[in-house]
């Protein structure tokens, strides 16, 4: 599970750095039309990434993701937090 969280953070950084015409980024940023069903809203992939970055004390992960070096530091910090490697 720890590796999944780290890979998710790495992928989020790559997608954020892609240009807007890239299919992966367009899918991530799409806003579906229509109404949602009754009940608790389903958790979105982006919400999960934001929660993971908040766990390590980073609130604005999109700003970090635009800068490749800052994003690598954030991913290393998350890996250290999860006990996968030293910072």
PDB file of N, CA and C in Angstrom:
ATOM      1  N   UNK A   1       0.824  -1.186   0.000  1.00  0.00           N
ATOM      2  CA  UNK A   1       0.000   0.000   0.000  1.00  0.00           C
ATOM      3  C   UNK A   1       0.874   1.258   0.000  1.00  0.00           C
ATOM      4  N   UNK A   2       2.006   1.195   0.686  1.00  0.00           N
ATOM      5  CA  UNK A   2       2.900   2.353   0.731  1.00  0.00           C
ATOM      6  C   UNK A   2       3.434   2.683  -0.658  1.00  0.00           C
ATOM      7  N   UNK A   3       3.782   1.644  -1.401  1.00  0.00           N
ATOM      8  CA  UNK A   3       4.316   1.870  -2.749  1.00  0.00           C
ATOM      9  C   UNK A   3       3.252   2.448  -3.673  1.00  0.00           C
ATOM     10  N   UNK A   4       2.015   2.054  -3.461  1.00  0.00           N
ATOM     11  CA  UNK A   4       0.925   2.599  -4.273  1.00  0.00           C
ATOM     12  C   UNK A   4       0.786   4.092  -4.015  1.00  0.00           C
ATOM     13  N   UNK A   5       0.866   4.486  -2.763  1.00  0.00           N
ATOM     14  CA  UNK A   5       0.749   5.919  -2.433  1.00  0.00           C
ATOM     15  C   UNK A   5       1.880   6.734  -3.074  1.00  0.00           C
ATOM     16  N   UNK A   6       3.099   6.204  -3.004  1.00  0.00           N
ATOM     17  CA  UNK A   6       4.240   6.913  -3.599  1.00  0.00           C
ATOM     18  C   UNK A   6       4.087   6.982  -5.118  1.00  0.00           C
ATOM     19  N   UNK A   7       3.716   5.874  -5.729  1.00  0.00           N
ATOM     20  CA  UNK A   7       3.534   5.872  -7.188  1.00  0.00           C
ATOM     21  C   UNK A   7       2.426   6.819  -7.616  1.00  0.00           C
ATOM     22  N   UNK A   8       1.394   6.920  -6.801  1.00  0.00           N
ATOM     23  CA  UNK A   8       0.299   7.836  -7.104  1.00  0.00           C
ATOM     24  C   UNK A   8       0.791   9.286  -7.068  1.00  0.00           C
ATOM     25  N   UNK A   9       1.612   9.615  -6.067  1.00  0.00           N
ATOM     26  CA  UNK A   9       2.181  10.961  -5.988  1.00  0.00           C
ATOM     27  C   UNK A   9       3.096  11.243  -7.183  1.00  0.00           C
ATOM     28  N   UNK A  10       3.914  10.260  -7.545  1.00  0.00           N
ATOM     29  CA  UNK A  10       4.806  10.458  -8.693  1.00  0.00           C
ATOM     30  C   UNK A  10       3.998  10.673  -9.968  1.00  0.00           C
ATOM     31  N   UNK A  11       2.957   9.878 -10.172  1.00  0.00           N
ATOM     32  CA  UNK A  11       2.132  10.014 -11.368  1.00  0.00           C
ATOM     33  C   UNK A  11       1.411  11.371 -11.384  1.00  0.00           C
ATOM     34  N   UNK A  12       0.933  11.823 -10.225  1.00  0.00           N
ATOM     35  CA  UNK A  12       0.259  13.119 -10.155  1.00  0.00           C
ATOM     36  C   UNK A  12       1.205  14.238 -10.582  1.00  0.00           C
ATOM     37  N   UNK A  13       2.462  14.155 -10.169  1.00  0.00           N
ATOM     38  CA  UNK A  13       3.438  15.158 -10.577  1.00  0.00           C
ATOM     39  C   UNK A  13       3.693  15.128 -12.072  1.00  0.00           C
ATOM     40  N   UNK A  14       3.808  13.937 -12.645  1.00  0.00           N
ATOM     41  CA  UNK A  14       4.028  13.823 -14.087  1.00  0.00           C
ATOM     42  C   UNK A  14       2.851  14.381 -14.887  1.00  0.00           C
ATOM     43  N   UNK A  15       1.639  14.054 -14.446  1.00  0.00           N
ATOM     44  CA  UNK A  15       0.455  14.527 -15.160  1.00  0.00           C
ATOM     45  C   UNK A  15       0.340  16.042 -15.061  1.00  0.00           C
ATOM     46  N   UNK A  16       0.638  16.585 -13.897  1.00  0.00           N
ATOM     47  CA  UNK A  16       0.560  18.041 -13.723  1.00  0.00           C
ATOM     48  C   UNK A  16       1.554  18.756 -14.622  1.00  0.00           C
ATOM     49  N   UNK A  17       2.714  18.153 -14.858  1.00  0.00           N
ATOM     50  CA  UNK A  17       3.736  18.784 -15.690  1.00  0.00           C
ATOM     51  C   UNK A  17       3.463  18.624 -17.187  1.00  0.00           C
ATOM     52  N   UNK A  18       2.526  17.756 -17.565  1.00  0.00           N
ATOM     53  CA  UNK A  18       2.207  17.554 -18.986  1.00  0.00           C
ATOM     54  C   UNK A  18       1.504  18.773 -19.556  1.00  0.00           C
ATOM     55  N   UNK A  19       1.555  18.898 -20.896  1.00  0.00           N
ATOM     56  CA  UNK A  19       0.816  20.003 -21.504  1.00  0.00           C
ATOM     57  C   UNK A  19      -0.674  19.683 -21.518  1.00  0.00           C
ATOM     58  N   UNK A  20      -1.500  20.699 -21.725  1.00  0.00           N
ATOM     59  CA  UNK A  20      -2.944  20.554 -21.592  1.00  0.00           C
ATOM     60  C   UNK A  20      -3.581  19.704 -22.684  1.00  0.00           C
ATOM     61  N   UNK A  21      -2.888  19.447 -23.780  1.00  0.00           N
ATOM     62  CA  UNK A  21      -3.443  18.630 -24.850  1.00  0.00           C
ATOM     63  C   UNK A  21      -3.254  17.136 -24.592  1.00  0.00           C
ATOM     64  N   UNK A  22      -2.453  16.777 -23.626  1.00  0.00           N
ATOM     65  CA  UNK A  22      -2.171  15.375 -23.328  1.00  0.00           C
ATOM     66  C   UNK A  22      -3.441  14.691 -22.794  1.00  0.00           C
ATOM     67  N   UNK A  23      -3.704  13.497 -23.278  1.00  0.00           N
ATOM     68  CA  UNK A  23      -4.925  12.773 -22.916  1.00  0.00           C
ATOM     69  C   UNK A  23      -5.018  12.521 -21.417  1.00  0.00           C
ATOM     70  N   UNK A  24      -3.933  12.112 -20.792  1.00  0.00           N
ATOM     71  CA  UNK A  24      -3.963  11.813 -19.357  1.00  0.00           C
ATOM     72  C   UNK A  24      -4.346  13.048 -18.541  1.00  0.00           C
ATOM     73  N   UNK A  25      -3.828  14.207 -18.915  1.00  0.00           N
ATOM     74  CA  UNK A  25      -4.152  15.430 -18.175  1.00  0.00           C
ATOM     75  C   UNK A  25      -5.598  15.845 -18.424  1.00  0.00           C
ATOM     76  N   UNK A  26      -6.072  15.689 -19.649  1.00  0.00           N
ATOM     77  CA  UNK A  26      -7.463  16.050 -19.952  1.00  0.00           C
ATOM     78  C   UNK A  26      -8.424  15.160 -19.163  1.00  0.00           C
ATOM     79  N   UNK A  27      -8.106  13.873 -19.054  1.00  0.00           N
ATOM     80  CA  UNK A  27      -8.963  12.960 -18.294  1.00  0.00           C
ATOM     81  C   UNK A  27      -8.961  13.339 -16.812  1.00  0.00           C
ATOM     82  N   UNK A  28      -7.804  13.704 -16.289  1.00  0.00           N
ATOM     83  CA  UNK A  28      -7.701  14.072 -14.878  1.00  0.00           C
ATOM     84  C   UNK A  28      -8.498  15.343 -14.571  1.00  0.00           C
ATOM     85  N   UNK A  29      -8.529  16.283 -15.498  1.00  0.00           N
ATOM     86  CA  UNK A  29      -9.163  17.576 -15.247  1.00  0.00           C
ATOM     87  C   UNK A  29     -10.616  17.649 -15.707  1.00  0.00           C
ATOM     88  N   UNK A  30     -11.159  16.573 -16.269  1.00  0.00           N
ATOM     89  CA  UNK A  30     -12.519  16.604 -16.806  1.00  0.00           C
ATOM     90  C   UNK A  30     -13.551  16.807 -15.695  1.00  0.00           C
ATOM     91  N   UNK A  31     -14.581  17.556 -16.014  1.00  0.00           N
ATOM     92  CA  UNK A  31     -15.706  17.780 -15.099  1.00  0.00           C
ATOM     93  C   UNK A  31     -16.938  17.126 -15.731  1.00  0.00           C
ATOM     94  N   UNK A  32     -17.347  15.960 -15.250  1.00  0.00           N
ATOM     95  CA  UNK A  32     -18.492  15.287 -15.857  1.00  0.00           C
ATOM     96  C   UNK A  32     -19.777  16.081 -15.677  1.00  0.00           C
ATOM     97  N   UNK A  33     -20.639  15.978 -16.662  1.00  0.00           N
ATOM     98  CA  UNK A  33     -21.927  16.656 -16.587  1.00  0.00           C
ATOM     99  C   UNK A  33     -22.952  15.724 -15.969  1.00  0.00           C
ATOM    100  N   UNK A  34     -24.046  16.298 -15.515  1.00  0.00           N
ATOM    101  CA  UNK A  34     -25.118  15.497 -14.947  1.00  0.00           C
ATOM    102  C   UNK A  34     -25.110  15.536 -13.433  1.00  0.00           C
ATOM    103  N   UNK A  35     -26.059  14.818 -12.866  1.00  0.00           N
ATOM    104  CA  UNK A  35     -26.202  14.788 -11.412  1.00  0.00           C
ATOM    105  C   UNK A  35     -25.591  13.527 -10.846  1.00  0.00           C
ATOM    106  N   UNK A  36     -25.114  13.643  -9.627  1.00  0.00           N
ATOM    107  CA  UNK A  36     -24.597  12.489  -8.906  1.00  0.00           C
ATOM    108  C   UNK A  36     -25.734  11.839  -8.131  1.00  0.00           C
ATOM    109  N   UNK A  37     -25.526  10.611  -7.778  1.00  0.00           N
ATOM    110  CA  UNK A  37     -26.521   9.888  -6.994  1.00  0.00           C
ATOM    111  C   UNK A  37     -26.602  10.397  -5.563  1.00  0.00           C
ATOM    112  N   UNK A  38     -27.587   9.888  -4.855  1.00  0.00           N
ATOM    113  CA  UNK A  38     -27.796  10.270  -3.459  1.00  0.00           C
ATOM    114  C   UNK A  38     -26.734   9.591  -2.594  1.00  0.00           C
ATOM    115  N   UNK A  39     -26.321  10.285  -1.552  1.00  0.00           N
ATOM    116  CA  UNK A  39     -25.357   9.714  -0.612  1.00  0.00           C
ATOM    117  C   UNK A  39     -24.055  10.493  -0.607  1.00  0.00           C
ATOM    118  N   UNK A  40     -23.090   9.927   0.067  1.00  0.00           N
ATOM    119  CA  UNK A  40     -21.783  10.567   0.183  1.00  0.00           C
ATOM    120  C   UNK A  40     -21.123  10.616  -1.191  1.00  0.00           C
ATOM    121  N   UNK A  41     -20.539  11.772  -1.541  1.00  0.00           N
ATOM    122  CA  UNK A  41     -19.848  11.856  -2.836  1.00  0.00           C
ATOM    123  C   UNK A  41     -18.674  10.874  -2.894  1.00  0.00           C
ATOM    124  N   UNK A  42     -18.488  10.276  -4.042  1.00  0.00           N
ATOM    125  CA  UNK A  42     -17.366   9.361  -4.227  1.00  0.00           C
ATOM    126  C   UNK A  42     -16.066  10.147  -4.187  1.00  0.00           C
ATOM    127  N   UNK A  43     -15.055   9.529  -3.627  1.00  0.00           N
ATOM    128  CA  UNK A  43     -13.761  10.178  -3.543  1.00  0.00           C
ATOM    129  C   UNK A  43     -13.086  10.169  -4.906  1.00  0.00           C
ATOM    130  N   UNK A  44     -12.578  11.322  -5.302  1.00  0.00           N
ATOM    131  CA  UNK A  44     -11.886  11.432  -6.580  1.00  0.00           C
ATOM    132  C   UNK A  44     -10.402  11.124  -6.380  1.00  0.00           C
ATOM    133  N   UNK A  45      -9.754  10.743  -7.455  1.00  0.00           N
ATOM    134  CA  UNK A  45      -8.342  10.396  -7.421  1.00  0.00           C
ATOM    135  C   UNK A  45      -7.522  11.585  -6.920  1.00  0.00           C
ATOM    136  N   UNK A  46      -7.874  12.776  -7.368  1.00  0.00           N
ATOM    137  CA  UNK A  46      -7.149  13.987  -6.974  1.00  0.00           C
ATOM    138  C   UNK A  46      -7.311  14.238  -5.472  1.00  0.00           C
ATOM    139  N   UNK A  47      -8.485  13.966  -4.937  1.00  0.00           N
ATOM    140  CA  UNK A  47      -8.703  14.137  -3.497  1.00  0.00           C
ATOM    141  C   UNK A  47      -7.785  13.219  -2.695  1.00  0.00           C
ATOM    142  N   UNK A  48      -7.600  12.010  -3.184  1.00  0.00           N
ATOM    143  CA  UNK A  48      -6.722  11.057  -2.516  1.00  0.00           C
ATOM    144  C   UNK A  48      -5.269  11.540  -2.535  1.00  0.00           C
ATOM    145  N   UNK A  49      -4.832  12.088  -3.662  1.00  0.00           N
ATOM    146  CA  UNK A  49      -3.472  12.640  -3.765  1.00  0.00           C
ATOM    147  C   UNK A  49      -3.314  13.819  -2.804  1.00  0.00           C
ATOM    148  N   UNK A  50      -4.335  14.679  -2.731  1.00  0.00           N
ATOM    149  CA  UNK A  50      -4.277  15.819  -1.814  1.00  0.00           C
ATOM    150  C   UNK A  50      -4.207  15.361  -0.359  1.00  0.00           C
ATOM    151  N   UNK A  51      -4.935  14.309  -0.011  1.00  0.00           N
ATOM    152  CA  UNK A  51      -4.871  13.779   1.352  1.00  0.00           C
ATOM    153  C   UNK A  51      -3.490  13.223   1.667  1.00  0.00           C
ATOM    154  N   UNK A  52      -2.922  12.501   0.714  1.00  0.00           N
ATOM    155  CA  UNK A  52      -1.583  11.944   0.934  1.00  0.00           C
ATOM    156  C   UNK A  52      -0.546  13.042   1.122  1.00  0.00           C
ATOM    157  N   UNK A  53      -0.636  14.111   0.339  1.00  0.00           N
ATOM    158  CA  UNK A  53       0.328  15.199   0.492  1.00  0.00           C
ATOM    159  C   UNK A  53       0.078  15.980   1.789  1.00  0.00           C
ATOM    160  N   UNK A  54      -1.173  16.062   2.218  1.00  0.00           N
ATOM    161  CA  UNK A  54      -1.479  16.748   3.476  1.00  0.00           C
ATOM    162  C   UNK A  54      -0.925  15.972   4.674  1.00  0.00           C
ATOM    163  N   UNK A  55      -0.854  14.652   4.556  1.00  0.00           N
ATOM    164  CA  UNK A  55      -0.306  13.833   5.641  1.00  0.00           C
ATOM    165  C   UNK A  55       1.149  14.157   5.936  1.00  0.00           C
ATOM    166  N   UNK A  56       1.875  14.593   4.915  1.00  0.00           N
ATOM    167  CA  UNK A  56       3.285  14.922   5.138  1.00  0.00           C
ATOM    168  C   UNK A  56       3.484  16.425   5.342  1.00  0.00           C
ATOM    169  N   UNK A  57       2.380  17.165   5.454  1.00  0.00           N
ATOM    170  CA  UNK A  57       2.465  18.586   5.770  1.00  0.00           C
ATOM    171  C   UNK A  57       2.501  19.514   4.575  1.00  0.00           C
ATOM    172  N   UNK A  58       2.212  19.027   3.394  1.00  0.00           N
ATOM    173  CA  UNK A  58       2.198  19.869   2.194  1.00  0.00           C
ATOM    174  C   UNK A  58       0.759  20.133   1.788  1.00  0.00           C
ATOM    175  N   UNK A  59       0.364  21.376   1.808  1.00  0.00           N
ATOM    176  CA  UNK A  59      -1.026  21.723   1.506  1.00  0.00           C
ATOM    177  C   UNK A  59      -1.239  22.064   0.031  1.00  0.00           C
ATOM    178  N   UNK A  60      -0.253  22.639  -0.614  1.00  0.00           N
ATOM    179  CA  UNK A  60      -0.415  23.079  -1.999  1.00  0.00           C
ATOM    180  C   UNK A  60       0.451  22.227  -2.915  1.00  0.00           C
ATOM    181  N   UNK A  61       0.015  21.001  -3.153  1.00  0.00           N
ATOM    182  CA  UNK A  61       0.854  20.075  -3.913  1.00  0.00           C
ATOM    183  C   UNK A  61       0.901  20.421  -5.401  1.00  0.00           C
ATOM    184  N   UNK A  62      -0.103  21.076  -5.950  1.00  0.00           N
ATOM    185  CA  UNK A  62      -0.071  21.434  -7.378  1.00  0.00           C
ATOM    186  C   UNK A  62       1.040  22.434  -7.678  1.00  0.00           C
ATOM    187  N   UNK A  63       1.276  23.359  -6.755  1.00  0.00           N
ATOM    188  CA  UNK A  63       2.351  24.329  -6.958  1.00  0.00           C
ATOM    189  C   UNK A  63       3.692  23.607  -6.993  1.00  0.00           C
ATOM    190  N   UNK A  64       3.888  22.656  -6.109  1.00  0.00           N
ATOM    191  CA  UNK A  64       5.126  21.873  -6.082  1.00  0.00           C
ATOM    192  C   UNK A  64       5.255  21.014  -7.334  1.00  0.00           C
ATOM    193  N   UNK A  65       4.155  20.492  -7.817  1.00  0.00           N
ATOM    194  CA  UNK A  65       4.193  19.574  -8.961  1.00  0.00           C
ATOM    195  C   UNK A  65       4.635  20.278 -10.237  1.00  0.00           C
ATOM    196  N   UNK A  66       4.415  21.569 -10.333  1.00  0.00           N
ATOM    197  CA  UNK A  66       4.832  22.302 -11.536  1.00  0.00           C
ATOM    198  C   UNK A  66       6.350  22.408 -11.650  1.00  0.00           C
ATOM    199  N   UNK A  67       7.025  22.340 -10.512  1.00  0.00           N
ATOM    200  CA  UNK A  67       8.486  22.393 -10.485  1.00  0.00           C
ATOM    201  C   UNK A  67       9.001  20.977 -10.222  1.00  0.00           C
ATOM    202  N   UNK A  68       9.700  20.409 -11.184  1.00  0.00           N
ATOM    203  CA  UNK A  68      10.126  19.015 -11.099  1.00  0.00           C
ATOM    204  C   UNK A  68      11.009  18.738  -9.883  1.00  0.00           C
ATOM    205  N   UNK A  69      11.942  19.645  -9.588  1.00  0.00           N
ATOM    206  CA  UNK A  69      12.841  19.432  -8.444  1.00  0.00           C
ATOM    207  C   UNK A  69      12.078  19.466  -7.123  1.00  0.00           C
ATOM    208  N   UNK A  70      11.150  20.427  -6.975  1.00  0.00           N
ATOM    209  CA  UNK A  70      10.357  20.495  -5.751  1.00  0.00           C
ATOM    210  C   UNK A  70       9.486  19.258  -5.599  1.00  0.00           C
ATOM    211  N   UNK A  71       8.968  18.763  -6.729  1.00  0.00           N
ATOM    212  CA  UNK A  71       8.109  17.586  -6.667  1.00  0.00           C
ATOM    213  C   UNK A  71       8.897  16.351  -6.242  1.00  0.00           C
ATOM    214  N   UNK A  72      10.116  16.219  -6.753  1.00  0.00           N
ATOM    215  CA  UNK A  72      10.953  15.085  -6.353  1.00  0.00           C
ATOM    216  C   UNK A  72      11.238  15.134  -4.855  1.00  0.00           C
ATOM    217  N   UNK A  73      11.468  16.341  -4.317  1.00  0.00           N
ATOM    218  CA  UNK A  73      11.698  16.477  -2.876  1.00  0.00           C
ATOM    219  C   UNK A  73      10.453  16.067  -2.094  1.00  0.00           C
ATOM    220  N   UNK A  74       9.276  16.454  -2.578  1.00  0.00           N
ATOM    221  CA  UNK A  74       8.032  16.106  -1.909  1.00  0.00           C
ATOM    222  C   UNK A  74       7.818  14.591  -1.916  1.00  0.00           C
ATOM    223  N   UNK A  75       8.105  13.936  -3.040  1.00  0.00           N
ATOM    224  CA  UNK A  75       7.950  12.484  -3.125  1.00  0.00           C
ATOM    225  C   UNK A  75       8.940  11.793  -2.195  1.00  0.00           C
ATOM    226  N   UNK A  76      10.172  12.288  -2.128  1.00  0.00           N
ATOM    227  CA  UNK A  76      11.169  11.707  -1.199  1.00  0.00           C
ATOM    228  C   UNK A  76      10.711  11.893   0.256  1.00  0.00           C
ATOM    229  N   UNK A  77      10.142  13.065   0.543  1.00  0.00           N
ATOM    230  CA  UNK A  77       9.641  13.336   1.892  1.00  0.00           C
ATOM    231  C   UNK A  77       8.499  12.369   2.225  1.00  0.00           C
ATOM    232  N   UNK A  78       7.636  12.111   1.268  1.00  0.00           N
ATOM    233  CA  UNK A  78       6.531  11.162   1.485  1.00  0.00           C
ATOM    234  C   UNK A  78       7.078   9.752   1.690  1.00  0.00           C
ATOM    235  N   UNK A  79       8.084   9.381   0.934  1.00  0.00           N
ATOM    236  CA  UNK A  79       8.689   8.065   1.095  1.00  0.00           C
ATOM    237  C   UNK A  79       9.326   7.908   2.464  1.00  0.00           C
ATOM    238  N   UNK A  80       9.966   8.960   2.946  1.00  0.00           N
ATOM    239  CA  UNK A  80      10.570   8.925   4.284  1.00  0.00           C
ATOM    240  C   UNK A  80       9.478   8.843   5.349  1.00  0.00           C
ATOM    241  N   UNK A  81       8.391   9.571   5.136  1.00  0.00           N
ATOM    242  CA  UNK A  81       7.278   9.559   6.077  1.00  0.00           C
ATOM    243  C   UNK A  81       6.663   8.163   6.179  1.00  0.00           C
ATOM    244  N   UNK A  82       6.541   7.494   5.029  1.00  0.00           N
ATOM    245  CA  UNK A  82       5.953   6.156   5.007  1.00  0.00           C
ATOM    246  C   UNK A  82       6.961   5.067   5.391  1.00  0.00           C
ATOM    247  N   UNK A  83       8.233   5.443   5.564  1.00  0.00           N
ATOM    248  CA  UNK A  83       9.241   4.488   5.979  1.00  0.00           C
ATOM    249  C   UNK A  83       9.821   3.671   4.844  1.00  0.00           C
ATOM    250  N   UNK A  84       9.690   4.151   3.610  1.00  0.00           N
ATOM    251  CA  UNK A  84      10.217   3.403   2.470  1.00  0.00           C
ATOM    252  C   UNK A  84      11.700   3.671   2.237  1.00  0.00           C
ATOM    253  N   UNK A  85      12.143   4.880   2.515  1.00  0.00           N
ATOM    254  CA  UNK A  85      13.552   5.216   2.363  1.00  0.00           C
ATOM    255  C   UNK A  85      13.857   6.431   3.225  1.00  0.00           C
ATOM    256  N   UNK A  86      15.129   6.733   3.386  1.00  0.00           N
ATOM    257  CA  UNK A  86      15.514   7.896   4.196  1.00  0.00           C
ATOM    258  C   UNK A  86      15.456   9.146   3.340  1.00  0.00           C
ATOM    259  N   UNK A  87      15.242  10.257   3.987  1.00  0.00           N
ATOM    260  CA  UNK A  87      15.095  11.526   3.263  1.00  0.00           C
ATOM    261  C   UNK A  87      16.463  12.008   2.891  1.00  0.00           C
TER     262      UNK A  87
END
